[in-house]
Amino acid sequence: MVIKPEMVEYIRTMVRGQYAENDRLEAKLDDEGWDDFPTLLGIVFYYAVERRFGSGATQEEVIRFVAEMRAAAPAEAAAVIDANAAETLVRAALDPDLDSDVEPEMAGAIQGMVVVHVLGAPEVTDDDLDTLLRKSEEVASRL
């Protein structure tokens, strides 16, 4: 799988709130194709969940996390996220034996929101973000 550098940069600009550059990259990817972006986003999501929870979390911790994430998001973004689906995806990232039957478009929206919430936190340095994105790109490239 070939991951375009613009896809990685798109996630970086999304996390860092660099809206003009993010819009430019989105337009470029709209023209060229998003190809394997869902795979890359899924891997970044997994690492973001792992960063937030470590090796595991209780159901209550996941519920609190999703509620906190939705409360921190802009109202229009939070309104489109199904809390139950978000909890399901987060739990499935923590336990691969769980089924995560979530509609792909909803899954992508949830993954994006989780990535922004976790990796956009003040304690996540640019070096931390670069390392996580590089690792995600390497994994996606091997698939």
C-alpha atoms as a PDB file:
ATOM      1  CA  MET A   1       0.000   0.000   0.000  1.00  0.00           C
ATOM      2  CA  VAL A   2       1.300   3.420  -0.914  1.00  0.00           C
ATOM      3  CA  ILE A   3       0.463   6.215   1.477  1.00  0.00           C
ATOM      4  CA  LYS A   4       0.715   9.641  -0.115  1.00  0.00           C
ATOM      5  CA  PRO A   5       2.689  12.166   1.954  1.00  0.00           C
ATOM      6  CA  GLU A   6      -0.272  14.544   1.591  1.00  0.00           C
ATOM      7  CA  MET A   7      -2.428  12.100   3.559  1.00  0.00           C
ATOM      8  CA  VAL A   8      -0.062  12.167   6.508  1.00  0.00           C
ATOM      9  CA  GLU A   9       0.197  15.937   6.274  1.00  0.00           C
ATOM     10  CA  TYR A  10      -3.599  16.189   6.081  1.00  0.00           C
ATOM     11  CA  ILE A  11      -3.874  14.427   9.440  1.00  0.00           C
ATOM     12  CA  ARG A  12      -1.113  16.598  10.927  1.00  0.00           C
ATOM     13  CA  THR A  13      -2.821  19.836   9.835  1.00  0.00           C
ATOM     14  CA  MET A  14      -6.183  18.535  11.062  1.00  0.00           C
ATOM     15  CA  VAL A  15      -4.720  17.793  14.506  1.00  0.00           C
ATOM     16  CA  ARG A  16      -2.871  21.087  14.748  1.00  0.00           C
ATOM     17  CA  GLY A  17      -5.833  23.173  13.573  1.00  0.00           C
ATOM     18  CA  GLN A  18      -4.031  24.517  10.509  1.00  0.00           C
ATOM     19  CA  TYR A  19      -7.288  24.990   8.633  1.00  0.00           C
ATOM     20  CA  ALA A  20      -6.075  26.784   5.481  1.00  0.00           C
ATOM     21  CA  GLU A  21      -3.384  24.167   4.818  1.00  0.00           C
ATOM     22  CA  ASN A  22      -5.812  21.382   5.704  1.00  0.00           C
ATOM     23  CA  ASP A  23      -8.326  22.746   3.174  1.00  0.00           C
ATOM     24  CA  ARG A  24      -5.600  22.960   0.512  1.00  0.00           C
ATOM     25  CA  LEU A  25      -4.567  19.354   1.121  1.00  0.00           C
ATOM     26  CA  GLU A  26      -8.189  18.201   1.125  1.00  0.00           C
ATOM     27  CA  ALA A  27      -8.767  19.823  -2.283  1.00  0.00           C
ATOM     28  CA  LYS A  28      -5.595  18.216  -3.657  1.00  0.00           C
ATOM     29  CA  LEU A  29      -6.604  14.784  -2.336  1.00  0.00           C
ATOM     30  CA  ASP A  30     -10.122  15.271  -3.717  1.00  0.00           C
ATOM     31  CA  ASP A  31      -8.514  15.742  -7.155  1.00  0.00           C
ATOM     32  CA  GLU A  32      -5.927  12.961  -6.875  1.00  0.00           C
ATOM     33  CA  GLY A  33      -7.881  10.426  -4.837  1.00  0.00           C
ATOM     34  CA  TRP A  34      -7.925   9.402  -1.214  1.00  0.00           C
ATOM     35  CA  ASP A  35      -7.013   5.782  -2.044  1.00  0.00           C
ATOM     36  CA  ASP A  36      -5.839   4.153   1.191  1.00  0.00           C
ATOM     37  CA  PHE A  37      -6.581   7.052   3.532  1.00  0.00           C
ATOM     38  CA  PRO A  38      -9.146   5.079   5.575  1.00  0.00           C
ATOM     39  CA  THR A  39      -6.456   2.519   6.413  1.00  0.00           C
ATOM     40  CA  LEU A  40      -4.009   5.227   7.492  1.00  0.00           C
ATOM     41  CA  LEU A  41      -6.661   6.992   9.574  1.00  0.00           C
ATOM     42  CA  GLY A  42      -7.608   3.699  11.215  1.00  0.00           C
ATOM     43  CA  ILE A  43      -4.008   3.064  12.222  1.00  0.00           C
ATOM     44  CA  VAL A  44      -3.548   6.604  13.570  1.00  0.00           C
ATOM     45  CA  PHE A  45      -6.838   6.131  15.477  1.00  0.00           C
ATOM     46  CA  TYR A  46      -5.550   2.887  17.001  1.00  0.00           C
ATOM     47  CA  TYR A  47      -2.323   4.547  18.171  1.00  0.00           C
ATOM     48  CA  ALA A  48      -4.249   7.554  19.524  1.00  0.00           C
ATOM     49  CA  VAL A  49      -6.518   5.244  21.556  1.00  0.00           C
ATOM     50  CA  GLU A  50      -3.479   3.320  22.766  1.00  0.00           C
ATOM     51  CA  ARG A  51      -1.804   6.587  23.778  1.00  0.00           C
ATOM     52  CA  ARG A  52      -4.903   7.698  25.695  1.00  0.00           C
ATOM     53  CA  PHE A  53      -5.711   4.419  27.457  1.00  0.00           C
ATOM     54  CA  GLY A  54      -2.541   2.335  27.408  1.00  0.00           C
ATOM     55  CA  SER A  55      -3.288  -1.359  27.583  1.00  0.00           C
ATOM     56  CA  GLY A  56      -6.947  -1.096  28.502  1.00  0.00           C
ATOM     57  CA  ALA A  57      -9.865   0.798  29.947  1.00  0.00           C
ATOM     58  CA  THR A  58     -13.084   0.053  31.738  1.00  0.00           C
ATOM     59  CA  GLN A  59     -16.388   0.594  29.985  1.00  0.00           C
ATOM     60  CA  GLU A  60     -16.988   3.576  32.267  1.00  0.00           C
ATOM     61  CA  GLU A  61     -13.655   5.152  31.272  1.00  0.00           C
ATOM     62  CA  VAL A  62     -14.548   4.781  27.598  1.00  0.00           C
ATOM     63  CA  ILE A  63     -17.999   6.288  28.164  1.00  0.00           C
ATOM     64  CA  ARG A  64     -16.446   9.260  30.015  1.00  0.00           C
ATOM     65  CA  PHE A  65     -13.846   9.713  27.284  1.00  0.00           C
ATOM     66  CA  VAL A  66     -16.462   9.788  24.501  1.00  0.00           C
ATOM     67  CA  ALA A  67     -18.633  12.215  26.469  1.00  0.00           C
ATOM     68  CA  GLU A  68     -15.653  14.475  27.170  1.00  0.00           C
ATOM     69  CA  MET A  69     -14.540  14.319  23.514  1.00  0.00           C
ATOM     70  CA  ARG A  70     -18.011  15.201  22.220  1.00  0.00           C
ATOM     71  CA  ALA A  71     -18.320  18.053  24.743  1.00  0.00           C
ATOM     72  CA  ALA A  72     -14.978  19.496  23.594  1.00  0.00           C
ATOM     73  CA  ALA A  73     -15.840  19.284  19.882  1.00  0.00           C
ATOM     74  CA  PRO A  74     -17.718  21.979  17.971  1.00  0.00           C
ATOM     75  CA  ALA A  75     -21.469  21.403  18.412  1.00  0.00           C
ATOM     76  CA  GLU A  76     -22.065  20.610  14.723  1.00  0.00           C
ATOM     77  CA  ALA A  77     -19.312  17.969  14.715  1.00  0.00           C
ATOM     78  CA  ALA A  78     -20.433  16.397  17.986  1.00  0.00           C
ATOM     79  CA  ALA A  79     -24.038  16.237  16.763  1.00  0.00           C
ATOM     80  CA  VAL A  80     -23.160  13.868  13.914  1.00  0.00           C
ATOM     81  CA  ILE A  81     -21.208  11.456  16.121  1.00  0.00           C
ATOM     82  CA  ASP A  82     -23.155   8.522  17.520  1.00  0.00           C
ATOM     83  CA  ALA A  83     -21.895   8.075  21.093  1.00  0.00           C
ATOM     84  CA  ASN A  84     -22.628   4.341  21.141  1.00  0.00           C
ATOM     85  CA  ALA A  85     -20.725   3.827  17.885  1.00  0.00           C
ATOM     86  CA  ALA A  86     -17.802   5.869  19.234  1.00  0.00           C
ATOM     87  CA  GLU A  87     -17.686   3.791  22.398  1.00  0.00           C
ATOM     88  CA  THR A  88     -17.811   0.611  20.305  1.00  0.00           C
ATOM     89  CA  LEU A  89     -14.896   1.704  18.105  1.00  0.00           C
ATOM     90  CA  VAL A  90     -12.747   2.765  21.050  1.00  0.00           C
ATOM     91  CA  ARG A  91     -13.411  -0.512  22.880  1.00  0.00           C
ATOM     92  CA  ALA A  92     -12.637  -2.475  19.682  1.00  0.00           C
ATOM     93  CA  ALA A  93      -9.306  -0.642  19.347  1.00  0.00           C
ATOM     94  CA  LEU A  94      -8.500  -1.746  22.892  1.00  0.00           C
ATOM     95  CA  ASP A  95      -9.747  -5.319  22.383  1.00  0.00           C
ATOM     96  CA  PRO A  96      -9.422  -6.709  18.837  1.00  0.00           C
ATOM     97  CA  ASP A  97     -11.733  -9.606  19.726  1.00  0.00           C
ATOM     98  CA  LEU A  98     -14.691  -7.222  19.938  1.00  0.00           C
ATOM     99  CA  ASP A  99     -16.900  -6.667  16.902  1.00  0.00           C
ATOM    100  CA  SER A 100     -17.049  -3.085  15.669  1.00  0.00           C
ATOM    101  CA  ASP A 101     -19.864  -3.121  13.147  1.00  0.00           C
ATOM    102  CA  VAL A 102     -20.033   0.639  12.555  1.00  0.00           C
ATOM    103  CA  GLU A 103     -21.014   2.162   9.213  1.00  0.00           C
ATOM    104  CA  PRO A 104     -17.803   3.248   7.407  1.00  0.00           C
ATOM    105  CA  GLU A 105     -18.707   6.934   7.089  1.00  0.00           C
ATOM    106  CA  MET A 106     -19.574   7.133  10.802  1.00  0.00           C
ATOM    107  CA  ALA A 107     -16.400   5.197  11.671  1.00  0.00           C
ATOM    108  CA  GLY A 108     -14.287   7.707   9.736  1.00  0.00           C
ATOM    109  CA  ALA A 109     -15.932  10.667  11.474  1.00  0.00           C
ATOM    110  CA  ILE A 110     -15.407   9.051  14.871  1.00  0.00           C
ATOM    111  CA  GLN A 111     -11.801   8.153  14.118  1.00  0.00           C
ATOM    112  CA  GLY A 112     -11.079  11.711  12.977  1.00  0.00           C
ATOM    113  CA  MET A 113     -12.639  13.194  16.110  1.00  0.00           C
ATOM    114  CA  VAL A 114     -10.719  10.832  18.401  1.00  0.00           C
ATOM    115  CA  VAL A 115      -7.443  11.587  16.604  1.00  0.00           C
ATOM    116  CA  VAL A 116      -7.973  15.351  16.922  1.00  0.00           C
ATOM    117  CA  HIS A 117      -9.065  15.095  20.561  1.00  0.00           C
ATOM    118  CA  VAL A 118      -6.216  12.866  21.731  1.00  0.00           C
ATOM    119  CA  LEU A 119      -3.363  14.073  19.536  1.00  0.00           C
ATOM    120  CA  GLY A 120      -4.419  17.716  19.653  1.00  0.00           C
ATOM    121  CA  ALA A 121      -4.051  17.807  23.437  1.00  0.00           C
ATOM    122  CA  PRO A 122      -1.523  20.377  24.705  1.00  0.00           C
ATOM    123  CA  GLU A 123       0.790  17.717  26.115  1.00  0.00           C
ATOM    124  CA  VAL A 124       1.271  16.127  22.669  1.00  0.00           C
ATOM    125  CA  THR A 125       4.369  17.743  21.220  1.00  0.00           C
ATOM    126  CA  ASP A 126       5.151  18.103  17.537  1.00  0.00           C
ATOM    127  CA  ASP A 127       7.802  15.412  17.996  1.00  0.00           C
ATOM    128  CA  ASP A 128       5.217  13.086  19.594  1.00  0.00           C
ATOM    129  CA  LEU A 129       2.832  13.679  16.698  1.00  0.00           C
ATOM    130  CA  ASP A 130       5.559  13.211  14.077  1.00  0.00           C
ATOM    131  CA  THR A 131       6.650   9.936  15.665  1.00  0.00           C
ATOM    132  CA  LEU A 132       3.109   8.579  15.809  1.00  0.00           C
ATOM    133  CA  LEU A 133       2.350   9.608  12.216  1.00  0.00           C
ATOM    134  CA  ARG A 134       5.627   8.131  10.947  1.00  0.00           C
ATOM    135  CA  LYS A 135       4.905   4.853  12.748  1.00  0.00           C
ATOM    136  CA  SER A 136       1.353   4.798  11.344  1.00  0.00           C
ATOM    137  CA  GLU A 137       2.592   5.454   7.819  1.00  0.00           C
ATOM    138  CA  GLU A 138       5.145   2.645   8.125  1.00  0.00           C
ATOM    139  CA  VAL A 139       2.490   0.173   9.285  1.00  0.00           C
ATOM    140  CA  ALA A 140       0.038   1.228   6.562  1.00  0.00           C
ATOM    141  CA  SER A 141       2.751   0.916   3.910  1.00  0.00           C
ATOM    142  CA  ARG A 142       3.326  -2.718   4.876  1.00  0.00           C
ATOM    143  CA  LEU A 143      -0.313  -3.687   4.372  1.00  0.00           C
END
